[in-house]
Structures are given as C-alpha cells and as structure tokens.
C-alpha cells in the first residue's frame, strides 16, 4: 500500500470525524468541503448528500436521498452531527473506491 494511501486511511480512523452541513436547495454547491458531507434540503425535504471522494482523487460523489430515487441512500445523524450513510458507497468509475460512512468515519471495504 502506498504511503499516501496509508496516511489517508490512518487519518480517516484517528483524525476528526466528518460532520454534516445542511444547505437549502436541491443541488450541491460547486465547491464541496474538504472532509465534511453536505446535505441538500429543499422545502424541508432531503434531496441528496455530497462529498469529495475520500481516496483523494478529488471526484464529487452525489448520493440521492430523495424517496423514490433509485439507487437511494439513507442518512442518519447522531447527536454531535456525525453522519452515517446506508448502503455503502461504491464508485463504479474512476478510482472505484468502496467504503461505508459510519458515525462520520470512512470504513473502507476490504480492510
């Protein structure tokens, strides 16, 4: 495993947990936070969650939360703002990262 990849995974486990930022509207901002997730909410209805790919490739990941969307993710937030997403996130193109977001931490599949 490359050193940069090892350091990123170490930081995912022991650095500060990711938080959830809620924004009004139905589209993600052009510039996403470096670590945190963004939840788009329009008229009180959650639309999507977005984040930068945690592998470091810089790709934007948008996950639909809206009921009826396919595929669809669910999101829960604990009392200190740490998000959990279900199911796992598996990029089918680009870096092909596969991971879970649990309590604000990235848990890589296969680790």
C-alpha atoms as a PDB file:
ATOM      1  CA  UNK A   1       0.000   0.000   0.000  1.00  0.00           C
ATOM      2  CA  UNK A   2       1.368   3.415  -0.884  1.00  0.00           C
ATOM      3  CA  UNK A   3       2.367   5.726   1.961  1.00  0.00           C
ATOM      4  CA  UNK A   4      -0.156   8.427   0.957  1.00  0.00           C
ATOM      5  CA  UNK A   5      -2.961   5.860   0.952  1.00  0.00           C
ATOM      6  CA  UNK A   6      -1.854   4.511   4.334  1.00  0.00           C
ATOM      7  CA  UNK A   7      -1.742   8.032   5.813  1.00  0.00           C
ATOM      8  CA  UNK A   8      -5.218   8.836   4.434  1.00  0.00           C
ATOM      9  CA  UNK A   9      -6.679   5.700   5.986  1.00  0.00           C
ATOM     10  CA  UNK A  10      -4.903   6.402   9.278  1.00  0.00           C
ATOM     11  CA  UNK A  11      -6.373   9.936   9.296  1.00  0.00           C
ATOM     12  CA  UNK A  12      -9.833   8.517   8.497  1.00  0.00           C
ATOM     13  CA  UNK A  13      -9.592   6.332  11.606  1.00  0.00           C
ATOM     14  CA  UNK A  14      -7.940   8.720  14.071  1.00  0.00           C
ATOM     15  CA  UNK A  15      -8.480  12.254  12.751  1.00  0.00           C
ATOM     16  CA  UNK A  16     -11.602  14.297  13.455  1.00  0.00           C
ATOM     17  CA  UNK A  17     -14.858  12.688  12.348  1.00  0.00           C
ATOM     18  CA  UNK A  18     -16.679  14.118   9.364  1.00  0.00           C
ATOM     19  CA  UNK A  19     -19.687  16.324  10.090  1.00  0.00           C
ATOM     20  CA  UNK A  20     -22.826  17.064   8.108  1.00  0.00           C
ATOM     21  CA  UNK A  21     -23.523  20.515   6.688  1.00  0.00           C
ATOM     22  CA  UNK A  22     -27.109  21.176   5.583  1.00  0.00           C
ATOM     23  CA  UNK A  23     -27.727  23.633   2.758  1.00  0.00           C
ATOM     24  CA  UNK A  24     -31.001  24.891   1.301  1.00  0.00           C
ATOM     25  CA  UNK A  25     -31.678  23.910  -2.298  1.00  0.00           C
ATOM     26  CA  UNK A  26     -31.789  20.819  -4.462  1.00  0.00           C
ATOM     27  CA  UNK A  27     -28.271  20.908  -5.945  1.00  0.00           C
ATOM     28  CA  UNK A  28     -24.834  20.503  -4.428  1.00  0.00           C
ATOM     29  CA  UNK A  29     -22.526  23.512  -4.284  1.00  0.00           C
ATOM     30  CA  UNK A  30     -19.744  23.650  -6.860  1.00  0.00           C
ATOM     31  CA  UNK A  31     -17.095  23.629  -4.143  1.00  0.00           C
ATOM     32  CA  UNK A  32     -17.583  20.938  -1.503  1.00  0.00           C
ATOM     33  CA  UNK A  33     -15.876  20.976   1.907  1.00  0.00           C
ATOM     34  CA  UNK A  34     -12.623  19.063   2.083  1.00  0.00           C
ATOM     35  CA  UNK A  35     -13.869  16.429   4.589  1.00  0.00           C
ATOM     36  CA  UNK A  36     -17.471  17.089   5.584  1.00  0.00           C
ATOM     37  CA  UNK A  37     -20.611  15.863   3.870  1.00  0.00           C
ATOM     38  CA  UNK A  38     -23.245  18.237   2.508  1.00  0.00           C
ATOM     39  CA  UNK A  39     -26.976  17.505   2.642  1.00  0.00           C
ATOM     40  CA  UNK A  40     -29.202  19.398   0.218  1.00  0.00           C
ATOM     41  CA  UNK A  41     -32.655  20.174   1.584  1.00  0.00           C
ATOM     42  CA  UNK A  42     -35.439  21.932  -0.340  1.00  0.00           C
ATOM     43  CA  UNK A  43     -38.665  22.950   1.433  1.00  0.00           C
ATOM     44  CA  UNK A  44     -37.859  20.597   4.321  1.00  0.00           C
ATOM     45  CA  UNK A  45     -37.267  17.577   2.061  1.00  0.00           C
ATOM     46  CA  UNK A  46     -33.818  15.963   1.859  1.00  0.00           C
ATOM     47  CA  UNK A  47     -32.610  15.575  -1.730  1.00  0.00           C
ATOM     48  CA  UNK A  48     -29.018  14.402  -1.829  1.00  0.00           C
ATOM     49  CA  UNK A  49     -25.800  14.022   0.112  1.00  0.00           C
ATOM     50  CA  UNK A  50     -22.500  15.025  -1.406  1.00  0.00           C
ATOM     51  CA  UNK A  51     -18.855  14.710  -0.538  1.00  0.00           C
ATOM     52  CA  UNK A  52     -15.405  14.634  -2.059  1.00  0.00           C
ATOM     53  CA  UNK A  53     -14.163  11.125  -2.650  1.00  0.00           C
ATOM     54  CA  UNK A  54     -12.175  10.156   0.466  1.00  0.00           C
ATOM     55  CA  UNK A  55      -9.497   8.352  -1.569  1.00  0.00           C
ATOM     56  CA  UNK A  56      -8.043  11.727  -2.519  1.00  0.00           C
ATOM     57  CA  UNK A  57      -8.891  11.624  -6.238  1.00  0.00           C
ATOM     58  CA  UNK A  58     -10.983  14.797  -5.815  1.00  0.00           C
ATOM     59  CA  UNK A  59     -14.126  13.440  -7.504  1.00  0.00           C
ATOM     60  CA  UNK A  60     -17.510  14.698  -6.342  1.00  0.00           C
ATOM     61  CA  UNK A  61     -19.792  11.968  -5.039  1.00  0.00           C
ATOM     62  CA  UNK A  62     -23.534  12.712  -5.038  1.00  0.00           C
ATOM     63  CA  UNK A  63     -25.876  10.239  -3.354  1.00  0.00           C
ATOM     64  CA  UNK A  64     -29.632  10.566  -3.765  1.00  0.00           C
ATOM     65  CA  UNK A  65     -31.611  10.669  -0.507  1.00  0.00           C
ATOM     66  CA  UNK A  66     -34.949  11.597  -2.061  1.00  0.00           C
ATOM     67  CA  UNK A  67     -37.650   8.924  -1.562  1.00  0.00           C
ATOM     68  CA  UNK A  68     -38.348   7.133  -4.834  1.00  0.00           C
ATOM     69  CA  UNK A  69     -34.841   7.669  -6.225  1.00  0.00           C
ATOM     70  CA  UNK A  70     -33.027   4.615  -7.483  1.00  0.00           C
ATOM     71  CA  UNK A  71     -30.398   3.987  -6.250  1.00  0.00           C
ATOM     72  CA  UNK A  72     -31.164   5.642  -2.928  1.00  0.00           C
ATOM     73  CA  UNK A  73     -29.208   6.117   0.298  1.00  0.00           C
ATOM     74  CA  UNK A  74     -30.474   6.826   3.771  1.00  0.00           C
ATOM     75  CA  UNK A  75     -28.702   9.137   6.162  1.00  0.00           C
ATOM     76  CA  UNK A  76     -28.765   9.333   9.948  1.00  0.00           C
ATOM     77  CA  UNK A  77     -27.015  11.946  12.055  1.00  0.00           C
ATOM     78  CA  UNK A  78     -26.031  11.392  15.682  1.00  0.00           C
ATOM     79  CA  UNK A  79     -26.299  13.944  18.480  1.00  0.00           C
ATOM     80  CA  UNK A  80     -22.927  15.543  17.650  1.00  0.00           C
ATOM     81  CA  UNK A  81     -23.544  15.852  13.904  1.00  0.00           C
ATOM     82  CA  UNK A  82     -21.706  12.759  12.645  1.00  0.00           C
ATOM     83  CA  UNK A  83     -23.422  11.229   9.579  1.00  0.00           C
ATOM     84  CA  UNK A  84     -23.985   7.569   8.780  1.00  0.00           C
ATOM     85  CA  UNK A  85     -24.937   6.509   5.242  1.00  0.00           C
ATOM     86  CA  UNK A  86     -26.527   3.264   4.126  1.00  0.00           C
ATOM     87  CA  UNK A  87     -25.784   1.334   1.957  1.00  0.00           C
ATOM     88  CA  UNK A  88     -22.063   1.524   1.216  1.00  0.00           C
ATOM     89  CA  UNK A  89     -20.689   3.853  -1.448  1.00  0.00           C
ATOM     90  CA  UNK A  90     -19.074   2.065  -4.380  1.00  0.00           C
ATOM     91  CA  UNK A  91     -17.780   4.154  -7.265  1.00  0.00           C
ATOM     92  CA  UNK A  92     -18.176   2.201 -10.474  1.00  0.00           C
ATOM     93  CA  UNK A  93     -15.880   4.518 -12.454  1.00  0.00           C
ATOM     94  CA  UNK A  94     -12.709   6.456 -11.788  1.00  0.00           C
ATOM     95  CA  UNK A  95     -10.928   5.370  -8.610  1.00  0.00           C
ATOM     96  CA  UNK A  96     -13.513   2.626  -7.888  1.00  0.00           C
ATOM     97  CA  UNK A  97     -13.460   3.360  -4.146  1.00  0.00           C
ATOM     98  CA  UNK A  98     -15.756   1.258  -1.972  1.00  0.00           C
ATOM     99  CA  UNK A  99     -16.450   2.407   1.571  1.00  0.00           C
ATOM    100  CA  UNK A 100     -19.004   2.985   4.329  1.00  0.00           C
ATOM    101  CA  UNK A 101     -19.611   6.273   6.145  1.00  0.00           C
ATOM    102  CA  UNK A 102     -20.344   5.387   9.765  1.00  0.00           C
ATOM    103  CA  UNK A 103     -20.541   7.945  12.568  1.00  0.00           C
ATOM    104  CA  UNK A 104     -18.524  10.379  10.462  1.00  0.00           C
ATOM    105  CA  UNK A 105     -15.722   7.906   9.732  1.00  0.00           C
ATOM    106  CA  UNK A 106     -14.782   6.244   6.475  1.00  0.00           C
ATOM    107  CA  UNK A 107     -14.574   2.471   6.749  1.00  0.00           C
ATOM    108  CA  UNK A 108     -13.002   1.023   3.629  1.00  0.00           C
ATOM    109  CA  UNK A 109     -14.425  -2.217   2.301  1.00  0.00           C
ATOM    110  CA  UNK A 110     -11.810  -4.917   2.298  1.00  0.00           C
ATOM    111  CA  UNK A 111      -9.914  -3.519   5.303  1.00  0.00           C
END
